[in-house]
PDB file of N, CA and C in Angstrom:
ATOM      1  N   MET A   1      60.475   5.545 -24.708  1.00  0.00           N
ATOM      2  CA  MET A   1      61.149   5.539 -23.584  1.00  0.00           C
ATOM      3  C   MET A   1      62.193   6.445 -23.739  1.00  0.00           C
ATOM      4  N   GLU A   2      63.098   6.589 -24.794  1.00  0.00           N
ATOM      5  CA  GLU A   2      64.011   7.529 -24.811  1.00  0.00           C
ATOM      6  C   GLU A   2      63.719   9.155 -24.882  1.00  0.00           C
ATOM      7  N   LYS A   3      62.491   9.229 -25.361  1.00  0.00           N
ATOM      8  CA  LYS A   3      61.705  10.609 -25.403  1.00  0.00           C
ATOM      9  C   LYS A   3      61.613  11.217 -24.106  1.00  0.00           C
ATOM     10  N   ASN A   4      60.963  10.161 -23.283  1.00  0.00           N
ATOM     11  CA  ASN A   4      60.632  10.542 -21.882  1.00  0.00           C
ATOM     12  C   ASN A   4      61.987  10.698 -20.841  1.00  0.00           C
ATOM     13  N   LEU A   5      62.822   9.915 -21.177  1.00  0.00           N
ATOM     14  CA  LEU A   5      64.052  10.306 -20.617  1.00  0.00           C
ATOM     15  C   LEU A   5      64.856  11.566 -20.838  1.00  0.00           C
ATOM     16  N   ASN A   6      64.738  12.136 -22.160  1.00  0.00           N
ATOM     17  CA  ASN A   6      65.111  13.353 -22.641  1.00  0.00           C
ATOM     18  C   ASN A   6      64.393  14.459 -21.747  1.00  0.00           C
ATOM     19  N   VAL A   7      63.106  14.269 -21.788  1.00  0.00           N
ATOM     20  CA  VAL A   7      62.245  15.388 -21.232  1.00  0.00           C
ATOM     21  C   VAL A   7      62.388  15.408 -19.820  1.00  0.00           C
ATOM     22  N   ILE A   8      62.880  14.363 -18.908  1.00  0.00           N
ATOM     23  CA  ILE A   8      63.118  14.387 -17.610  1.00  0.00           C
ATOM     24  C   ILE A   8      64.533  14.877 -17.410  1.00  0.00           C
ATOM     25  N   ARG A   9      65.611  14.747 -18.388  1.00  0.00           N
ATOM     26  CA  ARG A   9      66.819  15.434 -18.235  1.00  0.00           C
ATOM     27  C   ARG A   9      66.666  16.846 -18.438  1.00  0.00           C
ATOM     28  N   LEU A  10      65.712  17.264 -19.176  1.00  0.00           N
ATOM     29  CA  LEU A  10      65.655  18.815 -19.419  1.00  0.00           C
ATOM     30  C   LEU A  10      64.636  19.518 -18.326  1.00  0.00           C
ATOM     31  N   LEU A  11      64.131  18.651 -17.577  1.00  0.00           N
ATOM     32  CA  LEU A  11      63.109  19.344 -16.508  1.00  0.00           C
ATOM     33  C   LEU A  11      63.848  19.470 -15.376  1.00  0.00           C
ATOM     34  N   SER A  12      64.197  20.792 -15.100  1.00  0.00           N
ATOM     35  CA  SER A  12      64.987  21.117 -13.769  1.00  0.00           C
ATOM     36  C   SER A  12      64.017  20.751 -12.600  1.00  0.00           C
ATOM     37  N   GLU A  13      64.835  20.766 -11.484  1.00  0.00           N
ATOM     38  CA  GLU A  13      64.352  20.521 -10.000  1.00  0.00           C
ATOM     39  C   GLU A  13      63.175  21.727  -9.903  1.00  0.00           C
ATOM     40  N   LYS A  14      63.567  22.875 -10.370  1.00  0.00           N
ATOM     41  CA  LYS A  14      62.787  24.104 -10.115  1.00  0.00           C
ATOM     42  C   LYS A  14      61.412  23.944 -11.001  1.00  0.00           C
ATOM     43  N   ARG A  15      61.512  23.667 -12.123  1.00  0.00           N
ATOM     44  CA  ARG A  15      60.609  23.482 -12.887  1.00  0.00           C
ATOM     45  C   ARG A  15      59.473  22.262 -12.541  1.00  0.00           C
ATOM     46  N   SER A  16      60.106  21.242 -12.096  1.00  0.00           N
ATOM     47  CA  SER A  16      59.400  20.128 -11.623  1.00  0.00           C
ATOM     48  C   SER A  16      58.524  20.530 -10.435  1.00  0.00           C
ATOM     49  N   GLU A  17      59.227  21.210  -9.512  1.00  0.00           N
ATOM     50  CA  GLU A  17      58.452  21.793  -8.396  1.00  0.00           C
ATOM     51  C   GLU A  17      57.400  22.838  -8.818  1.00  0.00           C
ATOM     52  N   GLU A  18      57.585  23.728  -9.641  1.00  0.00           N
ATOM     53  CA  GLU A  18      56.704  24.484 -10.133  1.00  0.00           C
ATOM     54  C   GLU A  18      55.353  23.694 -10.749  1.00  0.00           C
ATOM     55  N   LEU A  19      55.635  22.725 -11.592  1.00  0.00           N
ATOM     56  CA  LEU A  19      54.772  21.950 -12.171  1.00  0.00           C
ATOM     57  C   LEU A  19      53.842  21.234 -11.154  1.00  0.00           C
ATOM     58  N   ALA A  20      54.497  20.666 -10.130  1.00  0.00           N
ATOM     59  CA  ALA A  20      53.844  20.004  -9.145  1.00  0.00           C
ATOM     60  C   ALA A  20      52.844  21.034  -8.238  1.00  0.00           C
ATOM     61  N   HIS A  21      53.426  22.296  -7.931  1.00  0.00           N
ATOM     62  CA  HIS A  21      52.597  23.229  -7.256  1.00  0.00           C
ATOM     63  C   HIS A  21      51.287  23.473  -8.192  1.00  0.00           C
ATOM     64  N   PHE A  22      51.495  23.888  -9.617  1.00  0.00           N
ATOM     65  CA  PHE A  22      50.489  24.124 -10.458  1.00  0.00           C
ATOM     66  C   PHE A  22      49.428  23.076 -10.256  1.00  0.00           C
ATOM     67  N   PHE A  23      49.577  21.714 -10.397  1.00  0.00           N
ATOM     68  CA  PHE A  23      48.592  20.742 -10.152  1.00  0.00           C
ATOM     69  C   PHE A  23      48.029  20.805  -8.799  1.00  0.00           C
ATOM     70  N   LYS A  24      48.711  21.177  -7.783  1.00  0.00           N
ATOM     71  CA  LYS A  24      48.226  21.203  -6.384  1.00  0.00           C
ATOM     72  C   LYS A  24      47.099  22.385  -6.428  1.00  0.00           C
ATOM     73  N   VAL A  25      47.433  23.390  -7.099  1.00  0.00           N
ATOM     74  CA  VAL A  25      46.389  24.560  -7.151  1.00  0.00           C
ATOM     75  C   VAL A  25      45.084  24.072  -7.988  1.00  0.00           C
ATOM     76  N   MET A  26      45.423  23.187  -9.157  1.00  0.00           N
ATOM     77  CA  MET A  26      44.320  22.751  -9.850  1.00  0.00           C
ATOM     78  C   MET A  26      43.493  21.671  -9.159  1.00  0.00           C
ATOM     79  N   GLY A  27      44.126  20.878  -7.935  1.00  0.00           N
ATOM     80  CA  GLY A  27      43.558  19.935  -7.352  1.00  0.00           C
ATOM     81  C   GLY A  27      42.362  20.229  -6.469  1.00  0.00           C
ATOM     82  N   ASP A  28      41.820  21.384  -6.447  1.00  0.00           N
ATOM     83  CA  ASP A  28      40.718  21.681  -5.577  1.00  0.00           C
ATOM     84  C   ASP A  28      39.568  21.654  -6.547  1.00  0.00           C
ATOM     85  N   SER A  29      38.362  20.871  -6.120  1.00  0.00           N
ATOM     86  CA  SER A  29      37.241  20.827  -6.920  1.00  0.00           C
ATOM     87  C   SER A  29      36.553  22.173  -7.217  1.00  0.00           C
ATOM     88  N   THR A  30      36.473  22.957  -5.995  1.00  0.00           N
ATOM     89  CA  THR A  30      35.831  24.340  -6.302  1.00  0.00           C
ATOM     90  C   THR A  30      36.501  25.165  -7.274  1.00  0.00           C
ATOM     91  N   ARG A  31      37.847  25.223  -7.058  1.00  0.00           N
ATOM     92  CA  ARG A  31      38.602  25.973  -8.114  1.00  0.00           C
ATOM     93  C   ARG A  31      38.435  25.526  -9.550  1.00  0.00           C
ATOM     94  N   VAL A  32      38.539  24.259  -9.751  1.00  0.00           N
ATOM     95  CA  VAL A  32      38.089  23.720 -11.068  1.00  0.00           C
ATOM     96  C   VAL A  32      36.689  24.092 -11.568  1.00  0.00           C
ATOM     97  N   LYS A  33      35.730  23.997 -10.759  1.00  0.00           N
ATOM     98  CA  LYS A  33      34.294  24.581 -11.123  1.00  0.00           C
ATOM     99  C   LYS A  33      34.466  26.010 -11.548  1.00  0.00           C
ATOM    100  N   ILE A  34      35.101  26.833 -10.710  1.00  0.00           N
ATOM    101  CA  ILE A  34      35.086  28.267 -10.983  1.00  0.00           C
ATOM    102  C   ILE A  34      36.039  28.266 -12.366  1.00  0.00           C
ATOM    103  N   LEU A  35      37.056  27.740 -12.677  1.00  0.00           N
ATOM    104  CA  LEU A  35      37.729  27.717 -13.822  1.00  0.00           C
ATOM    105  C   LEU A  35      36.798  27.245 -15.029  1.00  0.00           C
ATOM    106  N   PHE A  36      36.145  26.289 -14.903  1.00  0.00           N
ATOM    107  CA  PHE A  36      35.025  25.919 -16.037  1.00  0.00           C
ATOM    108  C   PHE A  36      34.084  26.889 -16.215  1.00  0.00           C
ATOM    109  N   LEU A  37      33.567  27.453 -15.286  1.00  0.00           N
ATOM    110  CA  LEU A  37      32.680  28.702 -15.177  1.00  0.00           C
ATOM    111  C   LEU A  37      33.076  29.878 -15.997  1.00  0.00           C
ATOM    112  N   ILE A  38      34.242  30.052 -15.969  1.00  0.00           N
ATOM    113  CA  ILE A  38      34.840  31.305 -16.587  1.00  0.00           C
ATOM    114  C   ILE A  38      35.523  30.915 -17.841  1.00  0.00           C
ATOM    115  N   SER A  39      35.691  29.686 -18.352  1.00  0.00           N
ATOM    116  CA  SER A  39      36.356  29.101 -19.412  1.00  0.00           C
ATOM    117  C   SER A  39      36.040  29.854 -20.710  1.00  0.00           C
ATOM    118  N   ASP A  40      34.720  30.222 -20.911  1.00  0.00           N
ATOM    119  CA  ASP A  40      34.402  31.022 -22.032  1.00  0.00           C
ATOM    120  C   ASP A  40      34.180  32.545 -22.035  1.00  0.00           C
ATOM    121  N   SER A  41      33.929  32.904 -20.879  1.00  0.00           N
ATOM    122  CA  SER A  41      33.541  34.614 -20.749  1.00  0.00           C
ATOM    123  C   SER A  41      33.771  34.803 -19.161  1.00  0.00           C
ATOM    124  N   GLU A  42      34.160  36.031 -18.903  1.00  0.00           N
ATOM    125  CA  GLU A  42      34.297  36.593 -17.674  1.00  0.00           C
ATOM    126  C   GLU A  42      33.014  36.462 -16.844  1.00  0.00           C
ATOM    127  N   MET A  43      33.141  36.378 -15.423  1.00  0.00           N
ATOM    128  CA  MET A  43      32.160  36.399 -14.639  1.00  0.00           C
ATOM    129  C   MET A  43      32.490  37.238 -13.378  1.00  0.00           C
ATOM    130  N   CYS A  44      31.442  37.663 -12.713  1.00  0.00           N
ATOM    131  CA  CYS A  44      31.881  38.376 -11.362  1.00  0.00           C
ATOM    132  C   CYS A  44      31.500  37.309 -10.242  1.00  0.00           C
ATOM    133  N   VAL A  45      32.232  37.652  -8.953  1.00  0.00           N
ATOM    134  CA  VAL A  45      32.097  36.795  -7.957  1.00  0.00           C
ATOM    135  C   VAL A  45      30.623  36.370  -7.447  1.00  0.00           C
ATOM    136  N   SER A  46      29.686  37.283  -7.665  1.00  0.00           N
ATOM    137  CA  SER A  46      28.376  37.236  -7.095  1.00  0.00           C
ATOM    138  C   SER A  46      27.696  35.960  -8.167  1.00  0.00           C
ATOM    139  N   GLN A  47      28.073  36.181  -9.374  1.00  0.00           N
ATOM    140  CA  GLN A  47      27.391  35.261 -10.434  1.00  0.00           C
ATOM    141  C   GLN A  47      27.940  33.791 -10.070  1.00  0.00           C
ATOM    142  N   ILE A  48      29.490  33.671  -9.825  1.00  0.00           N
ATOM    143  CA  ILE A  48      29.735  32.340  -9.417  1.00  0.00           C
ATOM    144  C   ILE A  48      29.292  31.833  -8.107  1.00  0.00           C
ATOM    145  N   ALA A  49      29.134  32.681  -7.151  1.00  0.00           N
ATOM    146  CA  ALA A  49      28.689  32.301  -5.897  1.00  0.00           C
ATOM    147  C   ALA A  49      27.309  31.707  -6.006  1.00  0.00           C
ATOM    148  N   ASN A  50      26.456  32.508  -6.768  1.00  0.00           N
ATOM    149  CA  ASN A  50      25.046  31.872  -7.062  1.00  0.00           C
ATOM    150  C   ASN A  50      25.197  30.569  -7.880  1.00  0.00           C
ATOM    151  N   ALA A  51      25.894  30.545  -8.977  1.00  0.00           N
ATOM    152  CA  ALA A  51      26.086  29.288  -9.679  1.00  0.00           C
ATOM    153  C   ALA A  51      26.436  28.168  -8.927  1.00  0.00           C
ATOM    154  N   LEU A  52      27.420  28.321  -7.850  1.00  0.00           N
ATOM    155  CA  LEU A  52      27.883  27.156  -7.068  1.00  0.00           C
ATOM    156  C   LEU A  52      27.161  27.001  -5.765  1.00  0.00           C
ATOM    157  N   GLY A  53      26.205  28.079  -5.388  1.00  0.00           N
ATOM    158  CA  GLY A  53      25.629  27.766  -4.197  1.00  0.00           C
ATOM    159  C   GLY A  53      26.686  28.137  -2.972  1.00  0.00           C
ATOM    160  N   MET A  54      27.541  28.920  -3.119  1.00  0.00           N
ATOM    161  CA  MET A  54      28.400  29.400  -2.158  1.00  0.00           C
ATOM    162  C   MET A  54      28.387  30.729  -1.817  1.00  0.00           C
ATOM    163  N   THR A  55      29.166  31.032  -0.672  1.00  0.00           N
ATOM    164  CA  THR A  55      29.268  32.687  -0.326  1.00  0.00           C
ATOM    165  C   THR A  55      30.150  33.205  -1.335  1.00  0.00           C
ATOM    166  N   GLU A  56      29.874  34.538  -1.467  1.00  0.00           N
ATOM    167  CA  GLU A  56      30.827  35.434  -2.087  1.00  0.00           C
ATOM    168  C   GLU A  56      32.339  35.403  -1.348  1.00  0.00           C
ATOM    169  N   ALA A  57      32.317  35.307  -0.326  1.00  0.00           N
ATOM    170  CA  ALA A  57      33.614  35.318   0.411  1.00  0.00           C
ATOM    171  C   ALA A  57      34.453  34.047   0.324  1.00  0.00           C
ATOM    172  N   ALA A  58      33.752  32.923   0.195  1.00  0.00           N
ATOM    173  CA  ALA A  58      34.336  31.682  -0.146  1.00  0.00           C
ATOM    174  C   ALA A  58      34.855  31.713  -1.686  1.00  0.00           C
ATOM    175  N   ILE A  59      33.988  32.207  -2.546  1.00  0.00           N
ATOM    176  CA  ILE A  59      34.475  32.361  -3.874  1.00  0.00           C
ATOM    177  C   ILE A  59      35.697  33.419  -4.069  1.00  0.00           C
ATOM    178  N   SER A  60      35.845  34.415  -3.409  1.00  0.00           N
ATOM    179  CA  SER A  60      36.862  35.471  -3.268  1.00  0.00           C
ATOM    180  C   SER A  60      38.134  34.604  -2.851  1.00  0.00           C
ATOM    181  N   HIS A  61      37.933  34.113  -1.846  1.00  0.00           N
ATOM    182  CA  HIS A  61      39.133  33.289  -1.154  1.00  0.00           C
ATOM    183  C   HIS A  61      39.723  32.351  -2.383  1.00  0.00           C
ATOM    184  N   GLN A  62      38.764  31.895  -3.134  1.00  0.00           N
ATOM    185  CA  GLN A  62      39.460  30.868  -4.286  1.00  0.00           C
ATOM    186  C   GLN A  62      40.035  31.672  -5.178  1.00  0.00           C
ATOM    187  N   PHE A  63      39.604  32.831  -5.566  1.00  0.00           N
ATOM    188  CA  PHE A  63      39.886  33.705  -6.770  1.00  0.00           C
ATOM    189  C   PHE A  63      41.384  34.199  -6.186  1.00  0.00           C
ATOM    190  N   GLN A  64      41.545  34.368  -4.917  1.00  0.00           N
ATOM    191  CA  GLN A  64      42.912  34.755  -4.479  1.00  0.00           C
ATOM    192  C   GLN A  64      43.993  33.708  -4.795  1.00  0.00           C
ATOM    193  N   THR A  65      43.762  32.620  -4.515  1.00  0.00           N
ATOM    194  CA  THR A  65      44.579  31.649  -4.942  1.00  0.00           C
ATOM    195  C   THR A  65      44.946  31.359  -6.307  1.00  0.00           C
ATOM    196  N   LEU A  66      43.826  31.458  -7.078  1.00  0.00           N
ATOM    197  CA  LEU A  66      43.813  31.279  -8.547  1.00  0.00           C
ATOM    198  C   LEU A  66      44.646  32.431  -9.022  1.00  0.00           C
ATOM    199  N   ARG A  67      44.299  33.710  -8.599  1.00  0.00           N
ATOM    200  CA  ARG A  67      45.334  34.956  -9.144  1.00  0.00           C
ATOM    201  C   ARG A  67      46.715  34.838  -8.782  1.00  0.00           C
ATOM    202  N   MET A  68      47.102  34.499  -7.439  1.00  0.00           N
ATOM    203  CA  MET A  68      48.359  34.409  -7.089  1.00  0.00           C
ATOM    204  C   MET A  68      49.279  33.216  -7.747  1.00  0.00           C
ATOM    205  N   ASN A  69      48.597  32.483  -8.500  1.00  0.00           N
ATOM    206  CA  ASN A  69      49.124  31.325  -9.204  1.00  0.00           C
ATOM    207  C   ASN A  69      48.978  31.480 -10.804  1.00  0.00           C
ATOM    208  N   GLY A  70      48.592  32.698 -11.109  1.00  0.00           N
ATOM    209  CA  GLY A  70      48.460  33.041 -12.525  1.00  0.00           C
ATOM    210  C   GLY A  70      47.558  32.295 -13.474  1.00  0.00           C
ATOM    211  N   LEU A  71      46.408  31.918 -12.831  1.00  0.00           N
ATOM    212  CA  LEU A  71      45.343  31.070 -13.536  1.00  0.00           C
ATOM    213  C   LEU A  71      44.293  32.185 -14.061  1.00  0.00           C
ATOM    214  N   VAL A  72      44.015  33.132 -13.259  1.00  0.00           N
ATOM    215  CA  VAL A  72      42.961  34.043 -13.589  1.00  0.00           C
ATOM    216  C   VAL A  72      43.458  35.463 -13.587  1.00  0.00           C
ATOM    217  N   ARG A  73      42.804  36.361 -14.188  1.00  0.00           N
ATOM    218  CA  ARG A  73      42.955  37.876 -14.034  1.00  0.00           C
ATOM    219  C   ARG A  73      41.668  38.470 -13.675  1.00  0.00           C
ATOM    220  N   ARG A  74      41.719  39.823 -13.107  1.00  0.00           N
ATOM    221  CA  ARG A  74      40.627  40.410 -12.829  1.00  0.00           C
ATOM    222  C   ARG A  74      40.629  41.694 -13.544  1.00  0.00           C
ATOM    223  N   GLN A  75      39.223  42.215 -13.474  1.00  0.00           N
ATOM    224  CA  GLN A  75      39.183  43.472 -14.220  1.00  0.00           C
ATOM    225  C   GLN A  75      37.910  44.199 -13.511  1.00  0.00           C
ATOM    226  N   ARG A  76      38.358  45.404 -12.901  1.00  0.00           N
ATOM    227  CA  ARG A  76      37.221  46.127 -12.237  1.00  0.00           C
ATOM    228  C   ARG A  76      36.186  46.854 -13.149  1.00  0.00           C
ATOM    229  N   ARG A  77      34.947  46.683 -12.992  1.00  0.00           N
ATOM    230  CA  ARG A  77      33.825  47.484 -13.676  1.00  0.00           C
ATOM    231  C   ARG A  77      33.090  48.106 -12.650  1.00  0.00           C
ATOM    232  N   GLY A  78      33.340  49.330 -12.145  1.00  0.00           N
ATOM    233  CA  GLY A  78      32.770  50.079 -11.239  1.00  0.00           C
ATOM    234  C   GLY A  78      33.064  49.415  -9.979  1.00  0.00           C
ATOM    235  N   ARG A  79      32.111  49.051  -9.141  1.00  0.00           N
ATOM    236  CA  ARG A  79      32.351  48.303  -7.925  1.00  0.00           C
ATOM    237  C   ARG A  79      32.424  46.929  -7.973  1.00  0.00           C
ATOM    238  N   THR A  80      32.321  46.400  -9.236  1.00  0.00           N
ATOM    239  CA  THR A  80      32.316  44.957  -9.446  1.00  0.00           C
ATOM    240  C   THR A  80      33.482  44.485 -10.104  1.00  0.00           C
ATOM    241  N   ILE A  81      34.170  43.400  -9.457  1.00  0.00           N
ATOM    242  CA  ILE A  81      35.125  42.870 -10.090  1.00  0.00           C
ATOM    243  C   ILE A  81      35.129  41.736 -10.723  1.00  0.00           C
ATOM    244  N   CYS A  82      35.367  41.484 -12.034  1.00  0.00           N
ATOM    245  CA  CYS A  82      35.043  40.272 -12.925  1.00  0.00           C
ATOM    246  C   CYS A  82      36.321  39.595 -13.219  1.00  0.00           C
ATOM    247  N   TYR A  83      36.199  38.351 -13.415  1.00  0.00           N
ATOM    248  CA  TYR A  83      37.356  37.471 -13.687  1.00  0.00           C
ATOM    249  C   TYR A  83      37.255  36.631 -14.906  1.00  0.00           C
ATOM    250  N   LYS A  84      38.575  36.298 -15.561  1.00  0.00           N
ATOM    251  CA  LYS A  84      38.522  35.637 -16.531  1.00  0.00           C
ATOM    252  C   LYS A  84      39.789  34.741 -16.492  1.00  0.00           C
ATOM    253  N   LEU A  85      39.964  33.731 -17.447  1.00  0.00           N
ATOM    254  CA  LEU A  85      41.227  32.914 -17.405  1.00  0.00           C
ATOM    255  C   LEU A  85      42.331  33.638 -17.840  1.00  0.00           C
ATOM    256  N   ASP A  86      43.615  33.641 -17.234  1.00  0.00           N
ATOM    257  CA  ASP A  86      44.565  34.244 -17.722  1.00  0.00           C
ATOM    258  C   ASP A  86      45.151  33.995 -19.062  1.00  0.00           C
ATOM    259  N   ASP A  87      45.068  32.805 -19.504  1.00  0.00           N
ATOM    260  CA  ASP A  87      45.340  32.637 -20.935  1.00  0.00           C
ATOM    261  C   ASP A  87      44.758  31.310 -21.512  1.00  0.00           C
ATOM    262  N   HIS A  88      44.857  30.929 -22.635  1.00  0.00           N
ATOM    263  CA  HIS A  88      44.390  29.901 -23.318  1.00  0.00           C
ATOM    264  C   HIS A  88      44.920  28.457 -22.710  1.00  0.00           C
ATOM    265  N   HIS A  89      46.133  28.476 -22.280  1.00  0.00           N
ATOM    266  CA  HIS A  89      46.575  27.189 -21.782  1.00  0.00           C
ATOM    267  C   HIS A  89      45.595  26.500 -20.626  1.00  0.00           C
ATOM    268  N   ILE A  90      45.119  27.326 -19.905  1.00  0.00           N
ATOM    269  CA  ILE A  90      44.293  26.770 -18.648  1.00  0.00           C
ATOM    270  C   ILE A  90      43.149  25.920 -19.426  1.00  0.00           C
ATOM    271  N   ASN A  91      42.556  26.571 -20.351  1.00  0.00           N
ATOM    272  CA  ASN A  91      41.323  25.659 -21.231  1.00  0.00           C
ATOM    273  C   ASN A  91      41.909  24.558 -21.678  1.00  0.00           C
ATOM    274  N   ALA A  92      43.057  24.474 -22.273  1.00  0.00           N
ATOM    275  CA  ALA A  92      43.597  23.353 -22.925  1.00  0.00           C
ATOM    276  C   ALA A  92      44.121  22.230 -21.880  1.00  0.00           C
ATOM    277  N   ILE A  93      44.518  22.718 -20.847  1.00  0.00           N
ATOM    278  CA  ILE A  93      44.640  21.731 -19.707  1.00  0.00           C
ATOM    279  C   ILE A  93      43.632  21.071 -19.073  1.00  0.00           C
ATOM    280  N   MET A  94      42.457  21.880 -18.931  1.00  0.00           N
ATOM    281  CA  MET A  94      41.168  21.497 -18.477  1.00  0.00           C
ATOM    282  C   MET A  94      40.465  20.595 -19.436  1.00  0.00           C
ATOM    283  N   ALA A  95      40.654  20.775 -20.617  1.00  0.00           N
ATOM    284  CA  ALA A  95      40.063  20.113 -21.761  1.00  0.00           C
ATOM    285  C   ALA A  95      40.710  18.637 -21.692  1.00  0.00           C
ATOM    286  N   LEU A  96      42.055  18.718 -21.740  1.00  0.00           N
ATOM    287  CA  LEU A  96      42.815  17.449 -21.692  1.00  0.00           C
ATOM    288  C   LEU A  96      42.401  16.617 -20.503  1.00  0.00           C
ATOM    289  N   GLY A  97      42.369  17.149 -19.362  1.00  0.00           N
ATOM    290  CA  GLY A  97      41.877  16.470 -18.360  1.00  0.00           C
ATOM    291  C   GLY A  97      40.670  15.854 -18.364  1.00  0.00           C
ATOM    292  N   CYS A  98      39.533  16.553 -18.777  1.00  0.00           N
ATOM    293  CA  CYS A  98      38.237  15.966 -19.143  1.00  0.00           C
ATOM    294  C   CYS A  98      38.384  15.056 -20.100  1.00  0.00           C
ATOM    295  N   GLU A  99      38.910  15.038 -21.185  1.00  0.00           N
ATOM    296  CA  GLU A  99      39.289  13.892 -22.220  1.00  0.00           C
ATOM    297  C   GLU A  99      39.772  12.653 -21.481  1.00  0.00           C
ATOM    298  N   HIS A 100      40.761  12.888 -20.721  1.00  0.00           N
ATOM    299  CA  HIS A 100      41.393  11.736 -19.956  1.00  0.00           C
ATOM    300  C   HIS A 100      40.336  10.961 -18.933  1.00  0.00           C
ATOM    301  N   ILE A 101      39.470  11.765 -18.268  1.00  0.00           N
ATOM    302  CA  ILE A 101      38.510  11.232 -17.404  1.00  0.00           C
ATOM    303  C   ILE A 101      37.490  10.475 -18.184  1.00  0.00           C
ATOM    304  N   CYS A 102      36.937  11.129 -19.257  1.00  0.00           N
ATOM    305  CA  CYS A 102      35.958  10.470 -20.024  1.00  0.00           C
ATOM    306  C   CYS A 102      36.475   9.189 -20.814  1.00  0.00           C
ATOM    307  N   GLU A 103      37.576   9.258 -21.243  1.00  0.00           N
ATOM    308  CA  GLU A 103      38.257   8.084 -21.828  1.00  0.00           C
ATOM    309  C   GLU A 103      38.271   6.902 -21.020  1.00  0.00           C
ATOM    310  N   LYS A 104      38.581   7.089 -19.719  1.00  0.00           N
ATOM    311  CA  LYS A 104      38.720   6.204 -18.782  1.00  0.00           C
ATOM    312  C   LYS A 104      37.324   5.609 -18.160  1.00  0.00           C
ATOM    313  N   GLY A 105      36.390   6.183 -18.629  1.00  0.00           N
ATOM    314  CA  GLY A 105      34.946   5.763 -18.189  1.00  0.00           C
ATOM    315  C   GLY A 105      34.641   6.391 -16.890  1.00  0.00           C
ATOM    316  N   ARG A 106      35.327   7.323 -16.340  1.00  0.00           N
ATOM    317  CA  ARG A 106      34.993   8.008 -15.118  1.00  0.00           C
ATOM    318  C   ARG A 106      33.896   9.168 -15.388  1.00  0.00           C
ATOM    319  N   HIS A 107      33.144   9.552 -14.163  1.00  0.00           N
ATOM    320  CA  HIS A 107      32.258  10.473 -14.385  1.00  0.00           C
ATOM    321  C   HIS A 107      32.725  12.051 -13.575  1.00  0.00           C
TER     322      HIS A 107
END
């Protein structure tokens, strides 16, 4: 209990708002699927659109949100733009989330 109180004291209002916003961005199932698809290697929009059965425009829209929030980065390869996770923290957060869901017996 003491440890939790210390963390709350250290967590400024600005940081708590930023963390809540981060989880809002992660709170979309399409974005979660995209992040899992690119968790091991970069992919282009058309590959992801095909994998998810969605339009490239819909995927591009989701990538705009992910990029603006620092979860992914893009790299141009000729006329193609490929995306990958911005850093290893995203993988770790997703892995912990999956572990939590599986531990609770959810699907």
